[in-house]
mmCIF file of all heavy atoms, coordinates in Angstrom:
data_MODEL
# 
_entry.id   MODEL 
# 
loop_
_atom_site.group_PDB 
_atom_site.id 
_atom_site.type_symbol 
_atom_site.label_atom_id 
_atom_site.label_alt_id 
_atom_site.label_comp_id 
_atom_site.label_asym_id 
_atom_site.label_entity_id 
_atom_site.label_seq_id 
_atom_site.pdbx_PDB_ins_code 
_atom_site.Cartn_x 
_atom_site.Cartn_y 
_atom_site.Cartn_z 
_atom_site.occupancy 
_atom_site.B_iso_or_equiv 
_atom_site.pdbx_formal_charge 
_atom_site.auth_seq_id 
_atom_site.auth_comp_id 
_atom_site.auth_asym_id 
_atom_site.auth_atom_id 
_atom_site.pdbx_PDB_model_num 
ATOM 1   N N   . THR A 1 1  ? 0.853  -1.158  -0.018  1.00 0.00 ? 1  THR A N   1 
ATOM 2   C CA  . THR A 1 1  ? -0.039 0.035   -0.003  1.00 0.00 ? 1  THR A CA  1 
ATOM 3   C C   . THR A 1 1  ? 0.883  1.247   0.012   1.00 0.00 ? 1  THR A C   1 
ATOM 4   O O   . THR A 1 1  ? 1.727  1.409   0.893   1.00 0.00 ? 1  THR A O   1 
ATOM 5   C CB  . THR A 1 1  ? -0.933 -0.034  1.250   1.00 0.00 ? 1  THR A CB  1 
ATOM 6   O OG1 . THR A 1 1  ? -1.641 -1.200  1.315   1.00 0.00 ? 1  THR A OG1 1 
ATOM 7   C CG2 . THR A 1 1  ? -1.895 1.184   1.230   1.00 0.00 ? 1  THR A CG2 1 
ATOM 8   N N   . THR A 1 2  ? 0.758  2.018   -0.980  1.00 0.00 ? 2  THR A N   1 
ATOM 9   C CA  . THR A 1 2  ? 1.605  3.255   -1.130  1.00 0.00 ? 2  THR A CA  1 
ATOM 10  C C   . THR A 1 2  ? 0.698  4.511   -1.226  1.00 0.00 ? 2  THR A C   1 
ATOM 11  O O   . THR A 1 2  ? -0.256 4.457   -2.041  1.00 0.00 ? 2  THR A O   1 
ATOM 12  C CB  . THR A 1 2  ? 2.490  3.221   -2.459  1.00 0.00 ? 2  THR A CB  1 
ATOM 13  O OG1 . THR A 1 2  ? 3.236  1.961   -2.358  1.00 0.00 ? 2  THR A OG1 1 
ATOM 14  C CG2 . THR A 1 2  ? 3.422  4.371   -2.479  1.00 0.00 ? 2  THR A CG2 1 
ATOM 15  N N   . THR A 1 3  ? 0.957  5.450   -0.408  1.00 0.00 ? 3  THR A N   1 
ATOM 16  C CA  . THR A 1 3  ? 0.250  6.738   -0.447  1.00 0.00 ? 3  THR A CA  1 
ATOM 17  C C   . THR A 1 3  ? 1.184  7.805   -1.058  1.00 0.00 ? 3  THR A C   1 
ATOM 18  O O   . THR A 1 3  ? 2.209  8.125   -0.429  1.00 0.00 ? 3  THR A O   1 
ATOM 19  C CB  . THR A 1 3  ? -0.218 7.110   0.970   1.00 0.00 ? 3  THR A CB  1 
ATOM 20  O OG1 . THR A 1 3  ? -0.953 6.068   1.504   1.00 0.00 ? 3  THR A OG1 1 
ATOM 21  C CG2 . THR A 1 3  ? -1.068 8.399   0.927   1.00 0.00 ? 3  THR A CG2 1 
ATOM 22  N N   . PHE A 1 4  ? 0.732  8.348   -2.200  1.00 0.00 ? 4  PHE A N   1 
ATOM 23  C CA  . PHE A 1 4  ? 1.466  9.467   -2.794  1.00 0.00 ? 4  PHE A CA  1 
ATOM 24  C C   . PHE A 1 4  ? 0.885  10.775  -2.385  1.00 0.00 ? 4  PHE A C   1 
ATOM 25  O O   . PHE A 1 4  ? -0.315 10.914  -2.274  1.00 0.00 ? 4  PHE A O   1 
ATOM 26  C CB  . PHE A 1 4  ? 1.415  9.326   -4.353  1.00 0.00 ? 4  PHE A CB  1 
ATOM 27  C CG  . PHE A 1 4  ? 2.072  8.038   -4.828  1.00 0.00 ? 4  PHE A CG  1 
ATOM 28  C CD1 . PHE A 1 4  ? 1.362  6.901   -5.041  1.00 0.00 ? 4  PHE A CD1 1 
ATOM 29  C CD2 . PHE A 1 4  ? 3.433  8.085   -5.127  1.00 0.00 ? 4  PHE A CD2 1 
ATOM 30  C CE1 . PHE A 1 4  ? 1.990  5.782   -5.528  1.00 0.00 ? 4  PHE A CE1 1 
ATOM 31  C CE2 . PHE A 1 4  ? 4.015  6.892   -5.626  1.00 0.00 ? 4  PHE A CE2 1 
ATOM 32  C CZ  . PHE A 1 4  ? 3.318  5.787   -5.781  1.00 0.00 ? 4  PHE A CZ  1 
ATOM 33  N N   . PHE A 1 5  ? 1.729  11.783  -2.156  1.00 0.00 ? 5  PHE A N   1 
ATOM 34  C CA  . PHE A 1 5  ? 1.258  13.124  -1.785  1.00 0.00 ? 5  PHE A CA  1 
ATOM 35  C C   . PHE A 1 5  ? 1.868  14.163  -2.829  1.00 0.00 ? 5  PHE A C   1 
ATOM 36  O O   . PHE A 1 5  ? 3.061  14.246  -2.875  1.00 0.00 ? 5  PHE A O   1 
ATOM 37  C CB  . PHE A 1 5  ? 1.746  13.395  -0.359  1.00 0.00 ? 5  PHE A CB  1 
ATOM 38  C CG  . PHE A 1 5  ? 1.171  14.602  0.295   1.00 0.00 ? 5  PHE A CG  1 
ATOM 39  C CD1 . PHE A 1 5  ? -0.124 14.565  0.814   1.00 0.00 ? 5  PHE A CD1 1 
ATOM 40  C CD2 . PHE A 1 5  ? 1.837  15.790  0.364   1.00 0.00 ? 5  PHE A CD2 1 
ATOM 41  C CE1 . PHE A 1 5  ? -0.678 15.684  1.388   1.00 0.00 ? 5  PHE A CE1 1 
ATOM 42  C CE2 . PHE A 1 5  ? 1.359  16.892  0.912   1.00 0.00 ? 5  PHE A CE2 1 
ATOM 43  C CZ  . PHE A 1 5  ? 0.039  16.884  1.446   1.00 0.00 ? 5  PHE A CZ  1 
ATOM 44  N N   . SER A 1 6  ? 0.941  14.827  -3.481  1.00 0.00 ? 6  SER A N   1 
ATOM 45  C CA  . SER A 1 6  ? 1.379  15.810  -4.430  1.00 0.00 ? 6  SER A CA  1 
ATOM 46  C C   . SER A 1 6  ? 1.832  17.081  -3.648  1.00 0.00 ? 6  SER A C   1 
ATOM 47  O O   . SER A 1 6  ? 1.109  17.672  -2.823  1.00 0.00 ? 6  SER A O   1 
ATOM 48  C CB  . SER A 1 6  ? 0.257  16.144  -5.398  1.00 0.00 ? 6  SER A CB  1 
ATOM 49  O OG  . SER A 1 6  ? 0.681  17.201  -6.251  1.00 0.00 ? 6  SER A OG  1 
ATOM 50  N N   . ILE A 1 7  ? 3.016  17.610  -4.018  1.00 0.00 ? 7  ILE A N   1 
ATOM 51  C CA  . ILE A 1 7  ? 3.468  18.808  -3.400  1.00 0.00 ? 7  ILE A CA  1 
ATOM 52  C C   . ILE A 1 7  ? 3.625  19.932  -4.428  1.00 0.00 ? 7  ILE A C   1 
ATOM 53  O O   . ILE A 1 7  ? 4.286  20.956  -4.193  1.00 0.00 ? 7  ILE A O   1 
ATOM 54  C CB  . ILE A 1 7  ? 4.797  18.605  -2.603  1.00 0.00 ? 7  ILE A CB  1 
ATOM 55  C CG1 . ILE A 1 7  ? 5.899  18.052  -3.532  1.00 0.00 ? 7  ILE A CG1 1 
ATOM 56  C CG2 . ILE A 1 7  ? 4.596  17.689  -1.425  1.00 0.00 ? 7  ILE A CG2 1 
ATOM 57  C CD1 . ILE A 1 7  ? 7.235  17.956  -2.849  1.00 0.00 ? 7  ILE A CD1 1 
ATOM 58  N N   . ALA A 1 8  ? 3.005  19.729  -5.533  1.00 0.00 ? 8  ALA A N   1 
ATOM 59  C CA  . ALA A 1 8  ? 2.968  20.726  -6.630  1.00 0.00 ? 8  ALA A CA  1 
ATOM 60  C C   . ALA A 1 8  ? 1.514  20.966  -6.988  1.00 0.00 ? 8  ALA A C   1 
ATOM 61  O O   . ALA A 1 8  ? 0.697  20.136  -6.746  1.00 0.00 ? 8  ALA A O   1 
ATOM 62  C CB  . ALA A 1 8  ? 3.832  20.304  -7.800  1.00 0.00 ? 8  ALA A CB  1 
ATOM 63  N N   . SER A 1 9  ? 1.237  22.066  -7.735  1.00 0.00 ? 9  SER A N   1 
ATOM 64  C CA  . SER A 1 9  ? -0.110 22.358  -8.168  1.00 0.00 ? 9  SER A CA  1 
ATOM 65  C C   . SER A 1 9  ? -0.595 21.328  -9.202  1.00 0.00 ? 9  SER A C   1 
ATOM 66  O O   . SER A 1 9  ? -1.792 21.047  -9.292  1.00 0.00 ? 9  SER A O   1 
ATOM 67  C CB  . SER A 1 9  ? -0.194 23.761  -8.689  1.00 0.00 ? 9  SER A CB  1 
ATOM 68  O OG  . SER A 1 9  ? 0.625  23.900  -9.839  1.00 0.00 ? 9  SER A OG  1 
ATOM 69  N N   . ARG A 1 10 ? 0.353  20.718  -9.903  1.00 0.00 ? 10 ARG A N   1 
ATOM 70  C CA  . ARG A 1 10 ? 0.024  19.649  -10.861 1.00 0.00 ? 10 ARG A CA  1 
ATOM 71  C C   . ARG A 1 10 ? 1.110  18.674  -10.892 1.00 0.00 ? 10 ARG A C   1 
ATOM 72  O O   . ARG A 1 10 ? 2.304  19.124  -10.988 1.00 0.00 ? 10 ARG A O   1 
ATOM 73  C CB  . ARG A 1 10 ? -0.250 20.245  -12.267 1.00 0.00 ? 10 ARG A CB  1 
ATOM 74  C CG  . ARG A 1 10 ? -0.670 19.186  -13.274 1.00 0.00 ? 10 ARG A CG  1 
ATOM 75  C CD  . ARG A 1 10 ? -0.754 19.748  -14.647 1.00 0.00 ? 10 ARG A CD  1 
ATOM 76  N NE  . ARG A 1 10 ? -1.228 18.765  -15.653 1.00 0.00 ? 10 ARG A NE  1 
ATOM 77  C CZ  . ARG A 1 10 ? -0.574 17.661  -15.990 1.00 0.00 ? 10 ARG A CZ  1 
ATOM 78  N NH1 . ARG A 1 10 ? 0.608  17.443  -15.523 1.00 0.00 ? 10 ARG A NH1 1 
ATOM 79  N NH2 . ARG A 1 10 ? -1.070 16.804  -16.891 1.00 0.00 ? 10 ARG A NH2 1 
ATOM 80  N N   . ALA A 1 11 ? 0.821  17.423  -10.860 1.00 0.00 ? 11 ALA A N   1 
ATOM 81  C CA  . ALA A 1 11 ? 1.894  16.388  -10.887 1.00 0.00 ? 11 ALA A CA  1 
ATOM 82  C C   . ALA A 1 11 ? 1.429  15.153  -11.642 1.00 0.00 ? 11 ALA A C   1 
ATOM 83  O O   . ALA A 1 11 ? 0.249  14.803  -11.595 1.00 0.00 ? 11 ALA A O   1 
ATOM 84  C CB  . ALA A 1 11 ? 2.300  15.964  -9.485  1.00 0.00 ? 11 ALA A CB  1 
ATOM 85  N N   . ASP A 1 12 ? 2.372  14.563  -12.426 1.00 0.00 ? 12 ASP A N   1 
ATOM 86  C CA  . ASP A 1 12 ? 2.096  13.352  -13.108 1.00 0.00 ? 12 ASP A CA  1 
ATOM 87  C C   . ASP A 1 12 ? 2.874  12.198  -12.382 1.00 0.00 ? 12 ASP A C   1 
ATOM 88  O O   . ASP A 1 12 ? 4.013  12.433  -11.956 1.00 0.00 ? 12 ASP A O   1 
ATOM 89  C CB  . ASP A 1 12 ? 2.597  13.346  -14.566 1.00 0.00 ? 12 ASP A CB  1 
ATOM 90  C CG  . ASP A 1 12 ? 1.794  14.344  -15.362 1.00 0.00 ? 12 ASP A CG  1 
ATOM 91  O OD1 . ASP A 1 12 ? 0.557  14.442  -15.132 1.00 0.00 ? 12 ASP A OD1 1 
ATOM 92  O OD2 . ASP A 1 12 ? 2.395  14.988  -16.275 1.00 0.00 ? 12 ASP A OD2 1 
ATOM 93  N N   . ILE A 1 13 ? 2.264  11.079  -12.175 1.00 0.00 ? 13 ILE A N   1 
ATOM 94  C CA  . ILE A 1 13 ? 2.921  9.958   -11.541 1.00 0.00 ? 13 ILE A CA  1 
ATOM 95  C C   . ILE A 1 13 ? 2.899  8.757   -12.519 1.00 0.00 ? 13 ILE A C   1 
ATOM 96  O O   . ILE A 1 13 ? 1.912  8.334   -12.960 1.00 0.00 ? 13 ILE A O   1 
ATOM 97  C CB  . ILE A 1 13 ? 2.103  9.550   -10.226 1.00 0.00 ? 13 ILE A CB  1 
ATOM 98  C CG1 . ILE A 1 13 ? 2.056  10.690  -9.254  1.00 0.00 ? 13 ILE A CG1 1 
ATOM 99  C CG2 . ILE A 1 13 ? 2.773  8.319   -9.581  1.00 0.00 ? 13 ILE A CG2 1 
ATOM 100 C CD1 . ILE A 1 13 ? 1.152  10.418  -8.123  1.00 0.00 ? 13 ILE A CD1 1 
ATOM 101 N N   . GLY A 1 14 ? 4.223  8.313   -12.785 1.00 0.00 ? 14 GLY A N   1 
ATOM 102 C CA  . GLY A 1 14 ? 4.341  7.111   -13.556 1.00 0.00 ? 14 GLY A CA  1 
ATOM 103 C C   . GLY A 1 14 ? 4.655  5.949   -12.583 1.00 0.00 ? 14 GLY A C   1 
ATOM 104 O O   . GLY A 1 14 ? 5.608  6.072   -11.814 1.00 0.00 ? 14 GLY A O   1 
ATOM 105 N N   . TYR A 1 15 ? 3.891  4.883   -12.664 1.00 0.00 ? 15 TYR A N   1 
ATOM 106 C CA  . TYR A 1 15 ? 4.105  3.777   -11.758 1.00 0.00 ? 15 TYR A CA  1 
ATOM 107 C C   . TYR A 1 15 ? 3.961  2.501   -12.508 1.00 0.00 ? 15 TYR A C   1 
ATOM 108 O O   . TYR A 1 15 ? 2.829  2.315   -13.103 1.00 0.00 ? 15 TYR A O   1 
ATOM 109 C CB  . TYR A 1 15 ? 3.134  3.902   -10.630 1.00 0.00 ? 15 TYR A CB  1 
ATOM 110 C CG  . TYR A 1 15 ? 3.369  2.870   -9.491  1.00 0.00 ? 15 TYR A CG  1 
ATOM 111 C CD1 . TYR A 1 15 ? 4.300  3.140   -8.579  1.00 0.00 ? 15 TYR A CD1 1 
ATOM 112 C CD2 . TYR A 1 15 ? 2.634  1.685   -9.438  1.00 0.00 ? 15 TYR A CD2 1 
ATOM 113 C CE1 . TYR A 1 15 ? 4.530  2.183   -7.497  1.00 0.00 ? 15 TYR A CE1 1 
ATOM 114 C CE2 . TYR A 1 15 ? 2.867  0.782   -8.462  1.00 0.00 ? 15 TYR A CE2 1 
ATOM 115 C CZ  . TYR A 1 15 ? 3.814  1.090   -7.477  1.00 0.00 ? 15 TYR A CZ  1 
ATOM 116 O OH  . TYR A 1 15 ? 4.064  0.128   -6.461  1.00 0.00 ? 15 TYR A OH  1 
ATOM 117 N N   . SER A 1 16 ? 4.901  1.613   -12.615 1.00 0.00 ? 16 SER A N   1 
ATOM 118 C CA  . SER A 1 16 ? 4.774  0.428   -13.337 1.00 0.00 ? 16 SER A CA  1 
ATOM 119 C C   . SER A 1 16 ? 5.165  -0.695  -12.382 1.00 0.00 ? 16 SER A C   1 
ATOM 120 O O   . SER A 1 16 ? 5.817  -0.577  -11.408 1.00 0.00 ? 16 SER A O   1 
ATOM 121 C CB  . SER A 1 16 ? 5.698  0.401   -14.518 1.00 0.00 ? 16 SER A CB  1 
ATOM 122 O OG  . SER A 1 16 ? 7.037  0.538   -14.130 1.00 0.00 ? 16 SER A OG  1 
ATOM 123 N N   . THR A 1 17 ? 4.631  -1.880  -12.718 1.00 0.00 ? 17 THR A N   1 
ATOM 124 C CA  . THR A 1 17 ? 4.958  -3.055  -11.939 1.00 0.00 ? 17 THR A CA  1 
ATOM 125 C C   . THR A 1 17 ? 4.915  -4.306  -12.889 1.00 0.00 ? 17 THR A C   1 
ATOM 126 O O   . THR A 1 17 ? 4.268  -4.228  -13.938 1.00 0.00 ? 17 THR A O   1 
ATOM 127 C CB  . THR A 1 17 ? 3.909  -3.252  -10.820 1.00 0.00 ? 17 THR A CB  1 
ATOM 128 O OG1 . THR A 1 17 ? 4.307  -4.376  -10.040 1.00 0.00 ? 17 THR A OG1 1 
ATOM 129 C CG2 . THR A 1 17 ? 2.525  -3.453  -11.372 1.00 0.00 ? 17 THR A CG2 1 
ATOM 130 N N   . GLY A 1 18 ? 5.615  -5.373  -12.555 1.00 0.00 ? 18 GLY A N   1 
ATOM 131 C CA  . GLY A 1 18 ? 5.650  -6.522  -13.444 1.00 0.00 ? 18 GLY A CA  1 
ATOM 132 C C   . GLY A 1 18 ? 5.426  -7.726  -12.669 1.00 0.00 ? 18 GLY A C   1 
ATOM 133 O O   . GLY A 1 18 ? 5.349  -7.762  -11.435 1.00 0.00 ? 18 GLY A O   1 
ATOM 134 N N   . TYR A 1 19 ? 5.163  -8.860  -13.321 1.00 0.00 ? 19 TYR A N   1 
ATOM 135 C CA  . TYR A 1 19 ? 4.976  -10.161 -12.725 1.00 0.00 ? 19 TYR A CA  1 
ATOM 136 C C   . TYR A 1 19 ? 5.387  -11.271 -13.713 1.00 0.00 ? 19 TYR A C   1 
ATOM 137 O O   . TYR A 1 19 ? 5.504  -11.034 -14.886 1.00 0.00 ? 19 TYR A O   1 
ATOM 138 C CB  . TYR A 1 19 ? 3.527  -10.314 -12.291 1.00 0.00 ? 19 TYR A CB  1 
ATOM 139 C CG  . TYR A 1 19 ? 2.558  -10.216 -13.367 1.00 0.00 ? 19 TYR A CG  1 
ATOM 140 C CD1 . TYR A 1 19 ? 2.071  -11.355 -14.081 1.00 0.00 ? 19 TYR A CD1 1 
ATOM 141 C CD2 . TYR A 1 19 ? 1.990  -8.997  -13.737 1.00 0.00 ? 19 TYR A CD2 1 
ATOM 142 C CE1 . TYR A 1 19 ? 1.148  -11.251 -15.070 1.00 0.00 ? 19 TYR A CE1 1 
ATOM 143 C CE2 . TYR A 1 19 ? 1.071  -8.878  -14.736 1.00 0.00 ? 19 TYR A CE2 1 
ATOM 144 C CZ  . TYR A 1 19 ? 0.661  -10.022 -15.365 1.00 0.00 ? 19 TYR A CZ  1 
ATOM 145 O OH  . TYR A 1 19 ? -0.302 -9.950  -16.398 1.00 0.00 ? 19 TYR A OH  1 
ATOM 146 N N   . ASP A 1 20 ? 5.633  -12.438 -13.134 1.00 0.00 ? 20 ASP A N   1 
ATOM 147 C CA  . ASP A 1 20 ? 6.030  -13.573 -13.949 1.00 0.00 ? 20 ASP A CA  1 
ATOM 148 C C   . ASP A 1 20 ? 4.773  -14.428 -14.388 1.00 0.00 ? 20 ASP A C   1 
ATOM 149 O O   . ASP A 1 20 ? 3.592  -14.013 -13.987 1.00 0.00 ? 20 ASP A O   1 
ATOM 150 C CB  . ASP A 1 20 ? 7.076  -14.407 -13.270 1.00 0.00 ? 20 ASP A CB  1 
ATOM 151 C CG  . ASP A 1 20 ? 6.598  -14.942 -11.961 1.00 0.00 ? 20 ASP A CG  1 
ATOM 152 O OD1 . ASP A 1 20 ? 5.373  -15.225 -11.794 1.00 0.00 ? 20 ASP A OD1 1 
ATOM 153 O OD2 . ASP A 1 20 ? 7.421  -15.101 -11.008 1.00 0.00 ? 20 ASP A OD2 1 
ATOM 154 N N   . ASN A 1 21 ? 5.018  -15.557 -14.973 1.00 0.00 ? 21 ASN A N   1 
ATOM 155 C CA  . ASN A 1 21 ? 3.894  -16.398 -15.395 1.00 0.00 ? 21 ASN A CA  1 
ATOM 156 C C   . ASN A 1 21 ? 3.115  -17.179 -14.339 1.00 0.00 ? 21 ASN A C   1 
ATOM 157 O O   . ASN A 1 21 ? 2.145  -17.805 -14.557 1.00 0.00 ? 21 ASN A O   1 
ATOM 158 C CB  . ASN A 1 21 ? 4.363  -17.399 -16.506 1.00 0.00 ? 21 ASN A CB  1 
ATOM 159 C CG  . ASN A 1 21 ? 5.310  -18.375 -15.977 1.00 0.00 ? 21 ASN A CG  1 
ATOM 160 O OD1 . ASN A 1 21 ? 5.929  -18.247 -14.874 1.00 0.00 ? 21 ASN A OD1 1 
ATOM 161 N ND2 . ASN A 1 21 ? 5.532  -19.468 -16.707 1.00 0.00 ? 21 ASN A ND2 1 
ATOM 162 N N   . GLU A 1 22 ? 3.655  -17.099 -13.077 1.00 0.00 ? 22 GLU A N   1 
ATOM 163 C CA  . GLU A 1 22 ? 2.969  -17.710 -11.981 1.00 0.00 ? 22 GLU A CA  1 
ATOM 164 C C   . GLU A 1 22 ? 2.306  -16.799 -11.019 1.00 0.00 ? 22 GLU A C   1 
ATOM 165 O O   . GLU A 1 22 ? 1.630  -17.166 -10.103 1.00 0.00 ? 22 GLU A O   1 
ATOM 166 C CB  . GLU A 1 22 ? 3.926  -18.668 -11.189 1.00 0.00 ? 22 GLU A CB  1 
ATOM 167 C CG  . GLU A 1 22 ? 4.306  -19.876 -12.009 1.00 0.00 ? 22 GLU A CG  1 
ATOM 168 C CD  . GLU A 1 22 ? 5.052  -20.877 -11.196 1.00 0.00 ? 22 GLU A CD  1 
ATOM 169 O OE1 . GLU A 1 22 ? 5.139  -20.816 -9.934  1.00 0.00 ? 22 GLU A OE1 1 
ATOM 170 O OE2 . GLU A 1 22 ? 5.648  -21.827 -11.806 1.00 0.00 ? 22 GLU A OE2 1 
ATOM 171 N N   . SER A 1 23 ? 2.498  -15.543 -11.202 1.00 0.00 ? 23 SER A N   1 
ATOM 172 C CA  . SER A 1 23 ? 2.030  -14.451 -10.297 1.00 0.00 ? 23 SER A CA  1 
ATOM 173 C C   . SER A 1 23 ? 0.711  -14.033 -10.814 1.00 0.00 ? 23 SER A C   1 
ATOM 174 O O   . SER A 1 23 ? 0.321  -14.146 -11.959 1.00 0.00 ? 23 SER A O   1 
ATOM 175 C CB  . SER A 1 23 ? 2.996  -13.285 -10.232 1.00 0.00 ? 23 SER A CB  1 
ATOM 176 O OG  . SER A 1 23 ? 4.220  -13.638 -9.675  1.00 0.00 ? 23 SER A OG  1 
ATOM 177 N N   . SER A 1 24 ? -0.052 -13.450 -9.880  1.00 0.00 ? 24 SER A N   1 
ATOM 178 C CA  . SER A 1 24 ? -1.307 -12.802 -10.321 1.00 0.00 ? 24 SER A CA  1 
ATOM 179 C C   . SER A 1 24 ? -1.353 -11.452 -9.651  1.00 0.00 ? 24 SER A C   1 
ATOM 180 O O   . SER A 1 24 ? -0.682 -11.179 -8.613  1.00 0.00 ? 24 SER A O   1 
ATOM 181 C CB  . SER A 1 24 ? -2.531 -13.630 -9.834  1.00 0.00 ? 24 SER A CB  1 
ATOM 182 O OG  . SER A 1 24 ? -2.503 -13.735 -8.424  1.00 0.00 ? 24 SER A OG  1 
ATOM 183 N N   . ARG A 1 25 ? -2.081 -10.509 -10.288 1.00 0.00 ? 25 ARG A N   1 
ATOM 184 C CA  . ARG A 1 25 ? -2.197 -9.113  -9.760  1.00 0.00 ? 25 ARG A CA  1 
ATOM 185 C C   . ARG A 1 25 ? -3.693 -8.826  -9.450  1.00 0.00 ? 25 ARG A C   1 
ATOM 186 O O   . ARG A 1 25 ? -4.514 -9.160  -10.282 1.00 0.00 ? 25 ARG A O   1 
ATOM 187 C CB  . ARG A 1 25 ? -1.655 -8.078  -10.794 1.00 0.00 ? 25 ARG A CB  1 
ATOM 188 C CG  . ARG A 1 25 ? -0.189 -8.233  -11.059 1.00 0.00 ? 25 ARG A CG  1 
ATOM 189 C CD  . ARG A 1 25 ? 0.511  -8.073  -9.734  1.00 0.00 ? 25 ARG A CD  1 
ATOM 190 N NE  . ARG A 1 25 ? 1.603  -7.100  -9.896  1.00 0.00 ? 25 ARG A NE  1 
ATOM 191 C CZ  . ARG A 1 25 ? 2.265  -6.762  -8.803  1.00 0.00 ? 25 ARG A CZ  1 
ATOM 192 N NH1 . ARG A 1 25 ? 2.037  -7.279  -7.613  1.00 0.00 ? 25 ARG A NH1 1 
ATOM 193 N NH2 . ARG A 1 25 ? 3.229  -5.912  -8.941  1.00 0.00 ? 25 ARG A NH2 1 
ATOM 194 N N   . ASN A 1 26 ? -3.886 -8.235  -8.358  1.00 0.00 ? 26 ASN A N   1 
ATOM 195 C CA  . ASN A 1 26 ? -5.181 -7.746  -7.993  1.00 0.00 ? 26 ASN A CA  1 
ATOM 196 C C   . ASN A 1 26 ? -5.068 -6.294  -7.592  1.00 0.00 ? 26 ASN A C   1 
ATOM 197 O O   . ASN A 1 26 ? -4.705 -5.954  -6.508  1.00 0.00 ? 26 ASN A O   1 
ATOM 198 C CB  . ASN A 1 26 ? -5.786 -8.584  -6.813  1.00 0.00 ? 26 ASN A CB  1 
ATOM 199 C CG  . ASN A 1 26 ? -7.181 -8.153  -6.497  1.00 0.00 ? 26 ASN A CG  1 
ATOM 200 O OD1 . ASN A 1 26 ? -7.814 -7.450  -7.269  1.00 0.00 ? 26 ASN A OD1 1 
ATOM 201 N ND2 . ASN A 1 26 ? -7.672 -8.595  -5.354  1.00 0.00 ? 26 ASN A ND2 1 
ATOM 202 N N   . ILE A 1 27 ? -5.263 -5.413  -8.562  1.00 0.00 ? 27 ILE A N   1 
ATOM 203 C CA  . ILE A 1 27 ? -5.094 -3.950  -8.393  1.00 0.00 ? 27 ILE A CA  1 
ATOM 204 C C   . ILE A 1 27 ? -6.437 -3.348  -8.070  1.00 0.00 ? 27 ILE A C   1 
ATOM 205 O O   . ILE A 1 27 ? -7.376 -3.494  -8.822  1.00 0.00 ? 27 ILE A O   1 
ATOM 206 C CB  . ILE A 1 27 ? -4.429 -3.297  -9.612  1.00 0.00 ? 27 ILE A CB  1 
ATOM 207 C CG1 . ILE A 1 27 ? -3.052 -3.966  -9.844  1.00 0.00 ? 27 ILE A CG1 1 
ATOM 208 C CG2 . ILE A 1 27 ? -4.346 -1.827  -9.387  1.00 0.00 ? 27 ILE A CG2 1 
ATOM 209 C CD1 . ILE A 1 27 ? -2.391 -3.509  -11.109 1.00 0.00 ? 27 ILE A CD1 1 
# 
């Protein structure tokens, strides 16, 4: 669990994640 906090009037957040063939993701 990650909480991002914007400290500018406008901000873009790029966030990527990966997994292998046995993993599953529940976003």
